[in-house]
Amino acid sequence: MAGGAGAKRSFMVRTKKHKYMAFHTPAKAEMFFDLEADPGEMKNLLGRADLSAEIDRHRNLLEEWCKLTDMDKYPIQPNPVAGKRAARKKT
């Protein structure tokens, strides 16, 4: 993901059965998939009350990973390829 100063990253964590994704957009969107039942990741299960404990577990796993890796210390670097493409489109 390209970004400038102050841009946020998006992350995901995958366990054997599930995949959780957190997008740090203004809306702070999330997605949660059952990879065994839905390997194509077509059905976001985030709103399922019966999965709330599993979703919270994945949120915590991702939070712990972010703390462990000090990810906030590594700012997003601009994508040089994206910048070149944007410049070509203007000409």
N, C-alpha and C. Protein backbone atom coordinates (compact mmCIF):
# COMPACT_ATOMS: atom_id res chain seq x y z
N MET A 1 0.84 -1.17 0.00
CA MET A 1 0.00 0.00 0.00
C MET A 1 0.89 1.23 0.00
N ALA A 2 0.67 2.11 -0.95
CA ALA A 2 1.44 3.34 -1.00
C ALA A 2 0.88 4.32 0.02
N GLY A 3 1.71 5.18 0.51
CA GLY A 3 1.22 6.16 1.48
C GLY A 3 2.24 7.24 1.71
N GLY A 4 1.76 8.34 2.18
CA GLY A 4 2.64 9.46 2.49
C GLY A 4 2.78 9.61 3.99
N ALA A 5 3.15 10.78 4.39
CA ALA A 5 3.35 11.05 5.81
C ALA A 5 2.05 10.81 6.57
N GLY A 6 2.13 10.08 7.66
CA GLY A 6 0.96 9.82 8.48
C GLY A 6 0.07 8.70 7.98
N ALA A 7 0.44 8.07 6.87
CA ALA A 7 -0.38 6.98 6.35
C ALA A 7 -0.33 5.79 7.29
N LYS A 8 -1.41 5.06 7.34
CA LYS A 8 -1.50 3.88 8.19
C LYS A 8 -1.41 2.63 7.32
N ARG A 9 -1.01 1.54 7.95
CA ARG A 9 -0.90 0.27 7.25
C ARG A 9 -2.13 -0.57 7.52
N SER A 10 -2.30 -1.57 6.70
CA SER A 10 -3.32 -2.57 6.90
C SER A 10 -2.62 -3.90 7.10
N PHE A 11 -3.17 -4.73 7.99
CA PHE A 11 -2.53 -5.98 8.34
C PHE A 11 -3.52 -7.12 8.38
N MET A 12 -2.99 -8.32 8.37
CA MET A 12 -3.82 -9.50 8.53
C MET A 12 -3.06 -10.54 9.32
N VAL A 13 -3.85 -11.41 9.97
CA VAL A 13 -3.28 -12.54 10.67
C VAL A 13 -4.07 -13.76 10.22
N ARG A 14 -3.34 -14.86 10.02
CA ARG A 14 -3.97 -16.08 9.57
C ARG A 14 -3.61 -17.20 10.52
N THR A 15 -4.63 -17.94 10.94
CA THR A 15 -4.42 -19.15 11.72
C THR A 15 -4.81 -20.32 10.82
N LYS A 16 -4.78 -21.51 11.35
CA LYS A 16 -5.06 -22.68 10.51
C LYS A 16 -6.44 -22.59 9.85
N LYS A 17 -7.43 -22.12 10.58
CA LYS A 17 -8.81 -22.10 10.07
C LYS A 17 -9.31 -20.72 9.63
N HIS A 18 -8.77 -19.64 10.20
CA HIS A 18 -9.34 -18.32 9.96
C HIS A 18 -8.30 -17.30 9.46
N LYS A 19 -8.84 -16.25 8.87
CA LYS A 19 -8.03 -15.11 8.45
C LYS A 19 -8.75 -13.84 8.88
N TYR A 20 -8.01 -12.96 9.58
CA TYR A 20 -8.54 -11.69 10.05
C TYR A 20 -7.74 -10.58 9.40
N MET A 21 -8.44 -9.57 8.89
CA MET A 21 -7.78 -8.44 8.23
C MET A 21 -8.28 -7.15 8.86
N ALA A 22 -7.37 -6.23 9.11
CA ALA A 22 -7.70 -4.92 9.67
C ALA A 22 -7.15 -3.86 8.73
N PHE A 23 -8.04 -3.01 8.24
CA PHE A 23 -7.67 -1.94 7.32
C PHE A 23 -7.73 -0.62 8.07
N HIS A 24 -6.62 0.05 8.18
CA HIS A 24 -6.55 1.29 8.94
C HIS A 24 -6.92 2.47 8.05
N THR A 25 -8.16 2.42 7.60
CA THR A 25 -8.75 3.51 6.83
C THR A 25 -9.53 4.38 7.81
N PRO A 26 -10.08 5.49 7.37
CA PRO A 26 -10.90 6.27 8.31
C PRO A 26 -12.02 5.44 8.95
N ALA A 27 -12.56 4.48 8.22
CA ALA A 27 -13.65 3.65 8.77
C ALA A 27 -13.12 2.47 9.60
N LYS A 28 -11.81 2.23 9.58
CA LYS A 28 -11.19 1.11 10.30
C LYS A 28 -11.92 -0.20 10.02
N ALA A 29 -12.01 -0.56 8.77
CA ALA A 29 -12.73 -1.76 8.34
C ALA A 29 -12.00 -3.02 8.77
N GLU A 30 -12.76 -4.09 8.92
CA GLU A 30 -12.21 -5.39 9.29
C GLU A 30 -12.89 -6.46 8.44
N MET A 31 -12.20 -7.58 8.28
CA MET A 31 -12.77 -8.74 7.60
C MET A 31 -12.32 -9.99 8.34
N PHE A 32 -13.18 -11.00 8.34
CA PHE A 32 -12.88 -12.26 9.02
C PHE A 32 -13.45 -13.40 8.18
N PHE A 33 -12.60 -14.36 7.83
CA PHE A 33 -13.00 -15.45 6.96
C PHE A 33 -12.73 -16.81 7.59
N ASP A 34 -13.58 -17.77 7.29
CA ASP A 34 -13.36 -19.17 7.62
C ASP A 34 -12.73 -19.80 6.39
N LEU A 35 -11.44 -20.05 6.45
CA LEU A 35 -10.71 -20.52 5.27
C LEU A 35 -11.05 -21.96 4.88
N GLU A 36 -11.55 -22.75 5.82
CA GLU A 36 -11.95 -24.12 5.48
C GLU A 36 -13.28 -24.12 4.72
N ALA A 37 -14.24 -23.37 5.20
CA ALA A 37 -15.56 -23.33 4.57
C ALA A 37 -15.60 -22.39 3.36
N ASP A 38 -14.72 -21.42 3.32
CA ASP A 38 -14.74 -20.38 2.29
C ASP A 38 -13.31 -20.06 1.84
N PRO A 39 -12.64 -20.99 1.15
CA PRO A 39 -11.24 -20.75 0.77
C PRO A 39 -11.05 -19.56 -0.19
N GLY A 40 -12.11 -19.17 -0.88
CA GLY A 40 -12.03 -18.02 -1.78
C GLY A 40 -12.25 -16.69 -1.09
N GLU A 41 -12.49 -16.73 0.22
CA GLU A 41 -12.68 -15.51 1.03
C GLU A 41 -13.77 -14.61 0.45
N MET A 42 -14.93 -15.19 0.23
CA MET A 42 -16.04 -14.46 -0.37
C MET A 42 -17.05 -13.95 0.67
N LYS A 43 -17.07 -14.56 1.87
CA LYS A 43 -18.08 -14.21 2.87
C LYS A 43 -17.41 -13.69 4.14
N ASN A 44 -17.55 -12.39 4.38
CA ASN A 44 -17.00 -11.77 5.58
C ASN A 44 -17.88 -12.14 6.77
N LEU A 45 -17.32 -12.82 7.75
CA LEU A 45 -18.07 -13.31 8.91
C LEU A 45 -17.98 -12.38 10.11
N LEU A 46 -17.53 -11.18 9.93
CA LEU A 46 -17.28 -10.28 11.05
C LEU A 46 -18.52 -10.03 11.91
N GLY A 47 -19.69 -10.00 11.34
CA GLY A 47 -20.90 -9.70 12.10
C GLY A 47 -21.51 -10.89 12.82
N ARG A 48 -20.92 -12.05 12.72
CA ARG A 48 -21.49 -13.25 13.34
C ARG A 48 -21.22 -13.28 14.84
N ALA A 49 -22.30 -13.19 15.64
CA ALA A 49 -22.19 -13.18 17.09
C ALA A 49 -21.57 -14.47 17.62
N ASP A 50 -21.85 -15.60 16.96
CA ASP A 50 -21.32 -16.87 17.43
C ASP A 50 -19.81 -17.00 17.23
N LEU A 51 -19.22 -16.09 16.46
CA LEU A 51 -17.77 -16.10 16.21
C LEU A 51 -17.05 -14.98 16.94
N SER A 52 -17.75 -14.24 17.79
CA SER A 52 -17.15 -13.05 18.41
C SER A 52 -15.90 -13.40 19.22
N ALA A 53 -15.89 -14.52 19.92
CA ALA A 53 -14.70 -14.89 20.71
C ALA A 53 -13.52 -15.18 19.79
N GLU A 54 -13.79 -15.85 18.68
CA GLU A 54 -12.71 -16.17 17.73
C GLU A 54 -12.21 -14.91 17.03
N ILE A 55 -13.11 -14.01 16.71
CA ILE A 55 -12.71 -12.74 16.10
C ILE A 55 -11.86 -11.93 17.08
N ASP A 56 -12.29 -11.87 18.34
CA ASP A 56 -11.49 -11.17 19.36
C ASP A 56 -10.12 -11.81 19.54
N ARG A 57 -10.06 -13.13 19.48
CA ARG A 57 -8.77 -13.82 19.60
C ARG A 57 -7.84 -13.39 18.47
N HIS A 58 -8.36 -13.28 17.26
CA HIS A 58 -7.54 -12.86 16.12
C HIS A 58 -7.14 -11.40 16.23
N ARG A 59 -8.04 -10.56 16.71
CA ARG A 59 -7.67 -9.15 16.95
C ARG A 59 -6.51 -9.07 17.93
N ASN A 60 -6.59 -9.86 18.99
CA ASN A 60 -5.53 -9.87 20.00
C ASN A 60 -4.22 -10.42 19.44
N LEU A 61 -4.30 -11.46 18.62
CA LEU A 61 -3.10 -12.00 17.98
C LEU A 61 -2.41 -10.93 17.14
N LEU A 62 -3.20 -10.19 16.37
CA LEU A 62 -2.63 -9.15 15.52
C LEU A 62 -2.06 -8.01 16.36
N GLU A 63 -2.75 -7.64 17.41
CA GLU A 63 -2.26 -6.58 18.29
C GLU A 63 -0.93 -6.98 18.93
N GLU A 64 -0.84 -8.20 19.39
CA GLU A 64 0.41 -8.69 19.99
C GLU A 64 1.54 -8.71 18.97
N TRP A 65 1.24 -9.12 17.74
CA TRP A 65 2.26 -9.14 16.69
C TRP A 65 2.77 -7.73 16.42
N CYS A 66 1.86 -6.77 16.36
CA CYS A 66 2.26 -5.38 16.10
C CYS A 66 3.15 -4.85 17.23
N LYS A 67 2.83 -5.20 18.46
CA LYS A 67 3.68 -4.79 19.59
C LYS A 67 5.04 -5.47 19.52
N LEU A 68 5.04 -6.75 19.25
CA LEU A 68 6.27 -7.54 19.20
C LEU A 68 7.23 -7.02 18.12
N THR A 69 6.70 -6.60 17.00
CA THR A 69 7.53 -6.17 15.88
C THR A 69 7.81 -4.68 15.87
N ASP A 70 7.25 -3.93 16.83
CA ASP A 70 7.42 -2.47 16.86
C ASP A 70 7.07 -1.84 15.52
N MET A 71 5.98 -2.29 14.92
CA MET A 71 5.65 -1.86 13.57
C MET A 71 5.47 -0.35 13.45
N ASP A 72 5.12 0.34 14.52
CA ASP A 72 4.96 1.80 14.46
C ASP A 72 6.28 2.52 14.22
N LYS A 73 7.40 1.85 14.47
CA LYS A 73 8.71 2.48 14.26
C LYS A 73 9.14 2.47 12.79
N TYR A 74 8.39 1.78 11.94
CA TYR A 74 8.77 1.64 10.54
C TYR A 74 7.72 2.28 9.66
N PRO A 75 7.94 3.55 9.27
CA PRO A 75 6.94 4.25 8.48
C PRO A 75 6.80 3.64 7.08
N ILE A 76 5.65 3.87 6.51
CA ILE A 76 5.39 3.41 5.15
C ILE A 76 6.26 4.20 4.19
N GLN A 77 6.89 3.51 3.29
CA GLN A 77 7.70 4.16 2.28
C GLN A 77 6.87 4.35 1.01
N PRO A 78 6.96 5.50 0.38
CA PRO A 78 6.22 5.70 -0.87
C PRO A 78 6.62 4.66 -1.90
N ASN A 79 5.68 4.25 -2.70
CA ASN A 79 5.92 3.28 -3.76
C ASN A 79 6.46 4.02 -4.98
N PRO A 80 7.74 3.84 -5.33
CA PRO A 80 8.31 4.59 -6.45
C PRO A 80 7.67 4.23 -7.78
N VAL A 81 7.22 3.00 -7.94
CA VAL A 81 6.58 2.58 -9.19
C VAL A 81 5.25 3.29 -9.36
N ALA A 82 4.47 3.40 -8.29
CA ALA A 82 3.18 4.09 -8.35
C ALA A 82 3.38 5.56 -8.72
N GLY A 83 4.41 6.19 -8.19
CA GLY A 83 4.70 7.58 -8.52
C GLY A 83 5.04 7.77 -9.99
N LYS A 84 5.79 6.83 -10.55
CA LYS A 84 6.14 6.91 -11.97
C LYS A 84 4.91 6.73 -12.84
N ARG A 85 4.01 5.81 -12.45
CA ARG A 85 2.78 5.59 -13.22
C ARG A 85 1.92 6.84 -13.20
N ALA A 86 1.80 7.48 -12.04
CA ALA A 86 0.98 8.69 -11.93
C ALA A 86 1.56 9.80 -12.80
N ALA A 87 2.87 9.91 -12.84
CA ALA A 87 3.51 10.95 -13.66
C ALA A 87 3.26 10.69 -15.14
N ARG A 88 3.30 9.42 -15.56
CA ARG A 88 3.04 9.10 -16.98
C ARG A 88 1.61 9.41 -17.37
N LYS A 89 0.67 9.18 -16.46
CA LYS A 89 -0.74 9.44 -16.78
C LYS A 89 -0.99 10.93 -17.00
N LYS A 90 -0.23 11.78 -16.34
CA LYS A 90 -0.42 13.23 -16.46
C LYS A 90 0.07 13.73 -17.81
N THR A 91 0.98 13.00 -18.45
CA THR A 91 1.53 13.49 -19.72
C THR A 91 0.78 12.96 -20.91
